[in-house]
Every structure is written in structure tokens, then in C-alpha cells.
């Protein structure tokens, strides 16, 4: 079952550290089965406190997501992200089958 890693950047504090992270983070993805779904693009907060941006990464499983996050290569990069700003990050497991709703379902 797919799993998603979501990072929410609440506030940037040190652009130099974030720059180092931006250089190192792609190397941390090498060898991991990851799909980048969203990377700090246009957004609108519809609930909760403001944020500067968010990233969403998809992995084939919860275990694969954890293996990437705790890998030595990513841990080398993440220290710079954490020094560069205030973030929230989490891994969430997807649903086993997609659930969709349409106007037809409401009739």
C-alpha cells in the first residue's frame, strides 16, 4: 500500500541552510522508489495556520518511506532543512483502494 511523506514549511529562517539542503536532498532520493507529487508550488491554506509551502512524496509502502527518510544520505541533507526553517513532516499510509465521489454518487 502506498505511503506519502508530507513536509510543511511553516517559516524559513536561514536561506543559506535551505540552499545547502536543496543541493543535497536530490542525492538522498537516489536508489529509492519515490514519486514527487508536489514541491512547494502554488497553494491556498483552507484550514489552519498559514504556511510557506509543502512537499508531497509518494513511496510504494510505509517501510520504503521510512527507509528513505532514515537513510544516511537523506539524514545528511535533512539537518540543513531543519536548521533552515520550521517544518512539520510526517508519513501517512494511503488507502488500499481509491475512493472517489461524484455528483452522480449523491443522487
N, C-alpha and C. Protein backbone atom coordinates (compact mmCIF):
# COMPACT_ATOMS: atom_id res chain seq x y z
N UNK A 1 0.84 -1.17 0.00
CA UNK A 1 0.00 0.00 0.00
C UNK A 1 0.89 1.25 0.00
N UNK A 2 0.56 2.22 -0.82
CA UNK A 2 1.36 3.44 -0.92
C UNK A 2 1.42 4.19 0.40
N UNK A 3 2.48 4.96 0.55
CA UNK A 3 2.63 5.85 1.70
C UNK A 3 3.13 7.19 1.18
N UNK A 4 2.79 8.23 1.89
CA UNK A 4 3.13 9.58 1.48
C UNK A 4 3.93 10.27 2.57
N UNK A 5 4.99 10.94 2.17
CA UNK A 5 5.75 11.78 3.08
C UNK A 5 5.32 13.21 2.77
N UNK A 6 4.91 13.92 3.81
CA UNK A 6 4.46 15.30 3.63
C UNK A 6 5.28 16.20 4.53
N UNK A 7 5.86 17.22 3.93
CA UNK A 7 6.60 18.24 4.67
C UNK A 7 5.87 19.56 4.52
N UNK A 8 5.65 20.24 5.62
CA UNK A 8 5.02 21.55 5.61
C UNK A 8 6.05 22.55 6.14
N UNK A 9 6.40 23.51 5.29
CA UNK A 9 7.32 24.55 5.73
C UNK A 9 6.48 25.69 6.30
N UNK A 10 6.61 25.88 7.61
CA UNK A 10 5.86 26.92 8.27
C UNK A 10 6.55 28.27 8.15
N UNK A 11 7.88 28.29 8.30
CA UNK A 11 8.61 29.55 8.20
C UNK A 11 10.07 29.31 7.88
N UNK A 12 10.57 30.02 6.89
CA UNK A 12 12.01 29.98 6.57
C UNK A 12 12.75 30.87 7.56
N UNK A 13 13.96 30.41 7.94
CA UNK A 13 14.75 31.20 8.88
C UNK A 13 16.18 31.42 8.40
N UNK A 14 16.69 30.49 7.62
CA UNK A 14 18.08 30.60 7.18
C UNK A 14 18.18 30.13 5.73
N UNK A 15 18.10 31.06 4.77
CA UNK A 15 18.13 30.68 3.36
C UNK A 15 19.40 29.93 2.95
N UNK A 16 20.52 30.22 3.59
CA UNK A 16 21.76 29.52 3.25
C UNK A 16 21.66 28.04 3.57
N UNK A 17 21.10 27.71 4.73
CA UNK A 17 20.92 26.29 5.10
C UNK A 17 19.93 25.62 4.15
N UNK A 18 18.87 26.32 3.78
CA UNK A 18 17.90 25.74 2.85
C UNK A 18 18.54 25.53 1.48
N UNK A 19 19.46 26.39 1.10
CA UNK A 19 20.19 26.22 -0.16
C UNK A 19 21.06 24.97 -0.14
N UNK A 20 21.72 24.73 0.99
CA UNK A 20 22.54 23.52 1.13
C UNK A 20 21.64 22.29 1.04
N UNK A 21 20.49 22.35 1.72
CA UNK A 21 19.53 21.24 1.67
C UNK A 21 19.10 20.98 0.22
N UNK A 22 18.79 22.04 -0.51
CA UNK A 22 18.34 21.89 -1.90
C UNK A 22 19.39 21.21 -2.77
N UNK A 23 20.65 21.42 -2.46
CA UNK A 23 21.73 20.78 -3.21
C UNK A 23 21.89 19.31 -2.81
N UNK A 24 21.73 19.01 -1.52
CA UNK A 24 21.99 17.65 -1.03
C UNK A 24 20.79 16.71 -1.15
N UNK A 25 19.58 17.24 -1.02
CA UNK A 25 18.39 16.38 -0.96
C UNK A 25 18.20 15.50 -2.19
N UNK A 26 18.40 15.97 -3.42
CA UNK A 26 18.21 15.08 -4.57
C UNK A 26 19.09 13.83 -4.51
N UNK A 27 20.29 13.95 -4.00
CA UNK A 27 21.16 12.78 -3.86
C UNK A 27 20.60 11.76 -2.89
N UNK A 28 19.84 12.24 -1.91
CA UNK A 28 19.21 11.34 -0.94
C UNK A 28 18.08 10.53 -1.53
N UNK A 29 17.56 10.94 -2.69
CA UNK A 29 16.48 10.20 -3.34
C UNK A 29 17.00 9.03 -4.17
N UNK A 30 18.26 9.09 -4.55
CA UNK A 30 18.84 8.06 -5.42
C UNK A 30 18.68 6.67 -4.81
N UNK A 31 18.21 5.74 -5.63
CA UNK A 31 18.06 4.36 -5.19
C UNK A 31 16.78 4.09 -4.42
N UNK A 32 15.92 5.09 -4.27
CA UNK A 32 14.66 4.90 -3.54
C UNK A 32 13.49 5.04 -4.52
N UNK A 33 12.48 4.20 -4.37
CA UNK A 33 11.32 4.23 -5.28
C UNK A 33 10.36 5.35 -4.88
N UNK A 34 10.63 6.56 -5.31
CA UNK A 34 9.85 7.72 -4.89
C UNK A 34 9.30 8.47 -6.10
N UNK A 35 8.10 9.00 -5.94
CA UNK A 35 7.50 9.88 -6.93
C UNK A 35 7.23 11.21 -6.25
N UNK A 36 7.74 12.29 -6.84
CA UNK A 36 7.50 13.62 -6.30
C UNK A 36 6.15 14.10 -6.83
N UNK A 37 5.19 14.29 -5.94
CA UNK A 37 3.84 14.68 -6.34
C UNK A 37 3.62 16.19 -6.28
N UNK A 38 4.23 16.85 -5.33
CA UNK A 38 4.10 18.31 -5.19
C UNK A 38 5.35 18.82 -4.49
N UNK A 39 5.86 19.96 -4.97
CA UNK A 39 7.09 20.53 -4.38
C UNK A 39 6.96 22.04 -4.28
N UNK A 40 6.39 22.51 -3.20
CA UNK A 40 6.37 23.94 -2.87
C UNK A 40 5.78 24.81 -3.97
N UNK A 41 4.74 24.31 -4.62
CA UNK A 41 4.08 25.07 -5.67
C UNK A 41 3.00 25.99 -5.11
N UNK A 42 2.22 26.54 -6.01
CA UNK A 42 1.12 27.42 -5.62
C UNK A 42 0.18 26.67 -4.69
N UNK A 43 -0.23 27.33 -3.63
CA UNK A 43 -1.12 26.68 -2.66
C UNK A 43 -2.04 27.72 -2.03
N UNK A 44 -3.08 27.24 -1.40
CA UNK A 44 -4.00 28.08 -0.64
C UNK A 44 -4.35 27.33 0.63
N UNK A 45 -4.10 27.92 1.77
CA UNK A 45 -4.46 27.31 3.04
C UNK A 45 -5.96 27.47 3.22
N UNK A 46 -6.67 26.36 3.38
CA UNK A 46 -8.12 26.43 3.55
C UNK A 46 -8.54 26.16 4.99
N UNK A 47 -7.62 25.64 5.79
CA UNK A 47 -7.86 25.43 7.22
C UNK A 47 -6.54 25.53 7.95
N UNK A 48 -6.57 26.03 9.16
CA UNK A 48 -5.38 26.06 9.99
C UNK A 48 -4.46 27.23 9.72
N UNK A 49 -3.30 27.22 10.38
CA UNK A 49 -2.37 28.34 10.27
C UNK A 49 -1.70 28.42 8.90
N UNK A 50 -1.23 29.61 8.59
CA UNK A 50 -0.55 29.84 7.31
C UNK A 50 0.71 28.99 7.21
N UNK A 51 1.13 28.73 5.98
CA UNK A 51 2.37 28.01 5.72
C UNK A 51 3.03 28.63 4.51
N UNK A 52 4.32 28.42 4.38
CA UNK A 52 5.04 28.92 3.22
C UNK A 52 4.97 27.95 2.04
N UNK A 53 4.87 26.67 2.33
CA UNK A 53 4.83 25.69 1.25
C UNK A 53 4.78 24.28 1.77
N UNK A 54 4.64 23.34 0.84
CA UNK A 54 4.56 21.93 1.21
C UNK A 54 5.13 21.07 0.09
N UNK A 55 5.58 19.90 0.48
CA UNK A 55 6.07 18.90 -0.46
C UNK A 55 5.37 17.58 -0.15
N UNK A 56 5.03 16.84 -1.21
CA UNK A 56 4.40 15.53 -1.05
C UNK A 56 5.16 14.53 -1.90
N UNK A 57 5.64 13.47 -1.26
CA UNK A 57 6.38 12.41 -1.93
C UNK A 57 5.62 11.11 -1.75
N UNK A 58 5.56 10.29 -2.78
CA UNK A 58 4.87 9.00 -2.71
C UNK A 58 5.88 7.87 -2.79
N UNK A 59 5.68 6.88 -1.92
CA UNK A 59 6.50 5.67 -1.89
C UNK A 59 5.59 4.46 -2.01
N UNK A 60 6.11 3.32 -2.47
CA UNK A 60 5.28 2.12 -2.60
C UNK A 60 4.74 1.59 -1.28
N UNK A 61 5.43 1.88 -0.17
CA UNK A 61 5.00 1.36 1.12
C UNK A 61 5.49 2.27 2.25
N UNK A 62 4.90 2.10 3.41
CA UNK A 62 5.30 2.84 4.61
C UNK A 62 6.76 2.55 4.93
N UNK A 63 7.14 1.28 4.79
CA UNK A 63 8.51 0.87 5.09
C UNK A 63 9.52 1.53 4.15
N UNK A 64 9.16 1.64 2.86
CA UNK A 64 10.04 2.29 1.89
C UNK A 64 10.20 3.78 2.21
N UNK A 65 9.12 4.41 2.65
CA UNK A 65 9.19 5.82 3.03
C UNK A 65 10.12 6.01 4.22
N UNK A 66 9.98 5.15 5.21
CA UNK A 66 10.86 5.24 6.39
C UNK A 66 12.31 4.95 6.02
N UNK A 67 12.51 3.98 5.15
CA UNK A 67 13.88 3.64 4.74
C UNK A 67 14.54 4.83 4.07
N UNK A 68 13.79 5.56 3.24
CA UNK A 68 14.34 6.76 2.61
C UNK A 68 14.65 7.82 3.66
N UNK A 69 13.68 8.13 4.51
CA UNK A 69 13.86 9.23 5.47
C UNK A 69 15.06 8.98 6.38
N UNK A 70 15.20 7.76 6.85
CA UNK A 70 16.28 7.45 7.80
C UNK A 70 17.58 7.01 7.12
N UNK A 71 17.63 7.07 5.79
CA UNK A 71 18.86 6.69 5.09
C UNK A 71 19.97 7.69 5.41
N UNK A 72 21.21 7.22 5.44
CA UNK A 72 22.33 8.13 5.73
C UNK A 72 22.40 9.33 4.78
N UNK A 73 22.12 9.11 3.50
CA UNK A 73 22.20 10.21 2.54
C UNK A 73 21.16 11.29 2.84
N UNK A 74 19.93 10.87 3.15
CA UNK A 74 18.92 11.90 3.45
C UNK A 74 19.16 12.53 4.81
N UNK A 75 19.61 11.77 5.77
CA UNK A 75 19.90 12.35 7.08
C UNK A 75 21.01 13.39 7.00
N UNK A 76 21.93 13.21 6.06
CA UNK A 76 22.97 14.22 5.84
C UNK A 76 22.35 15.52 5.33
N UNK A 77 21.31 15.42 4.51
CA UNK A 77 20.66 16.60 3.95
C UNK A 77 19.68 17.24 4.92
N UNK A 78 18.90 16.42 5.63
CA UNK A 78 17.79 16.95 6.42
C UNK A 78 18.25 17.88 7.54
N UNK A 79 19.44 17.68 8.05
CA UNK A 79 19.92 18.57 9.12
C UNK A 79 19.94 20.02 8.65
N UNK A 80 20.19 20.25 7.37
CA UNK A 80 20.22 21.61 6.83
C UNK A 80 18.81 22.18 6.67
N UNK A 81 17.87 21.33 6.30
CA UNK A 81 16.47 21.79 6.21
C UNK A 81 15.97 22.21 7.58
N UNK A 82 16.28 21.42 8.58
CA UNK A 82 15.81 21.72 9.93
C UNK A 82 16.48 22.96 10.52
N UNK A 83 17.70 23.25 10.10
CA UNK A 83 18.36 24.49 10.53
C UNK A 83 17.87 25.69 9.72
N UNK A 84 17.30 25.41 8.56
CA UNK A 84 16.88 26.48 7.66
C UNK A 84 15.48 27.00 7.89
N UNK A 85 14.66 26.25 8.60
CA UNK A 85 13.29 26.70 8.80
C UNK A 85 12.53 25.82 9.78
N UNK A 86 11.31 26.24 10.04
CA UNK A 86 10.41 25.48 10.91
C UNK A 86 9.52 24.63 10.01
N UNK A 87 9.57 23.33 10.22
CA UNK A 87 8.84 22.37 9.39
C UNK A 87 8.02 21.42 10.25
N UNK A 88 7.00 20.87 9.64
CA UNK A 88 6.32 19.68 10.16
C UNK A 88 6.45 18.63 9.08
N UNK A 89 6.72 17.42 9.46
CA UNK A 89 6.84 16.34 8.49
C UNK A 89 6.22 15.08 9.05
N UNK A 90 5.61 14.31 8.17
CA UNK A 90 5.03 13.04 8.61
C UNK A 90 4.90 12.08 7.44
N UNK A 91 4.75 10.82 7.79
CA UNK A 91 4.49 9.75 6.82
C UNK A 91 3.07 9.27 7.09
N UNK A 92 2.28 9.14 6.03
CA UNK A 92 0.92 8.65 6.19
C UNK A 92 0.67 7.56 5.15
N UNK A 93 0.05 6.49 5.60
CA UNK A 93 -0.26 5.38 4.70
C UNK A 93 -1.50 5.72 3.88
N UNK A 94 -1.48 5.35 2.61
CA UNK A 94 -2.62 5.58 1.73
C UNK A 94 -3.72 4.55 1.98
N UNK A 95 -4.80 4.68 1.24
CA UNK A 95 -5.90 3.72 1.35
C UNK A 95 -5.64 2.56 0.40
N UNK A 96 -6.25 1.41 0.69
CA UNK A 96 -5.97 0.23 -0.12
C UNK A 96 -6.59 0.32 -1.51
N UNK A 97 -7.72 0.99 -1.64
CA UNK A 97 -8.32 1.23 -2.95
C UNK A 97 -8.80 2.67 -3.00
N UNK A 98 -8.66 3.28 -4.14
CA UNK A 98 -9.06 4.68 -4.29
C UNK A 98 -10.56 4.82 -4.08
N UNK A 99 -10.94 5.86 -3.39
CA UNK A 99 -12.35 6.17 -3.16
C UNK A 99 -12.62 7.50 -3.84
N UNK A 100 -13.58 7.51 -4.75
CA UNK A 100 -13.94 8.75 -5.43
C UNK A 100 -15.42 9.00 -5.26
N UNK A 101 -15.78 10.27 -5.28
CA UNK A 101 -17.18 10.66 -5.19
C UNK A 101 -17.46 11.65 -6.30
N UNK A 102 -18.62 11.53 -6.89
CA UNK A 102 -19.02 12.46 -7.94
C UNK A 102 -20.45 12.92 -7.66
N UNK A 103 -20.93 13.83 -8.47
CA UNK A 103 -22.30 14.30 -8.33
C UNK A 103 -23.28 13.14 -8.53
N UNK A 104 -22.94 12.19 -9.38
CA UNK A 104 -23.81 11.03 -9.61
C UNK A 104 -23.98 10.21 -8.33
N UNK A 105 -22.92 10.12 -7.52
CA UNK A 105 -22.98 9.35 -6.28
C UNK A 105 -23.97 9.95 -5.29
N UNK A 106 -24.22 11.24 -5.39
CA UNK A 106 -25.07 11.94 -4.42
C UNK A 106 -26.55 11.76 -4.72
N UNK A 107 -26.90 11.27 -5.90
CA UNK A 107 -28.32 11.13 -6.29
C UNK A 107 -28.95 9.92 -5.66
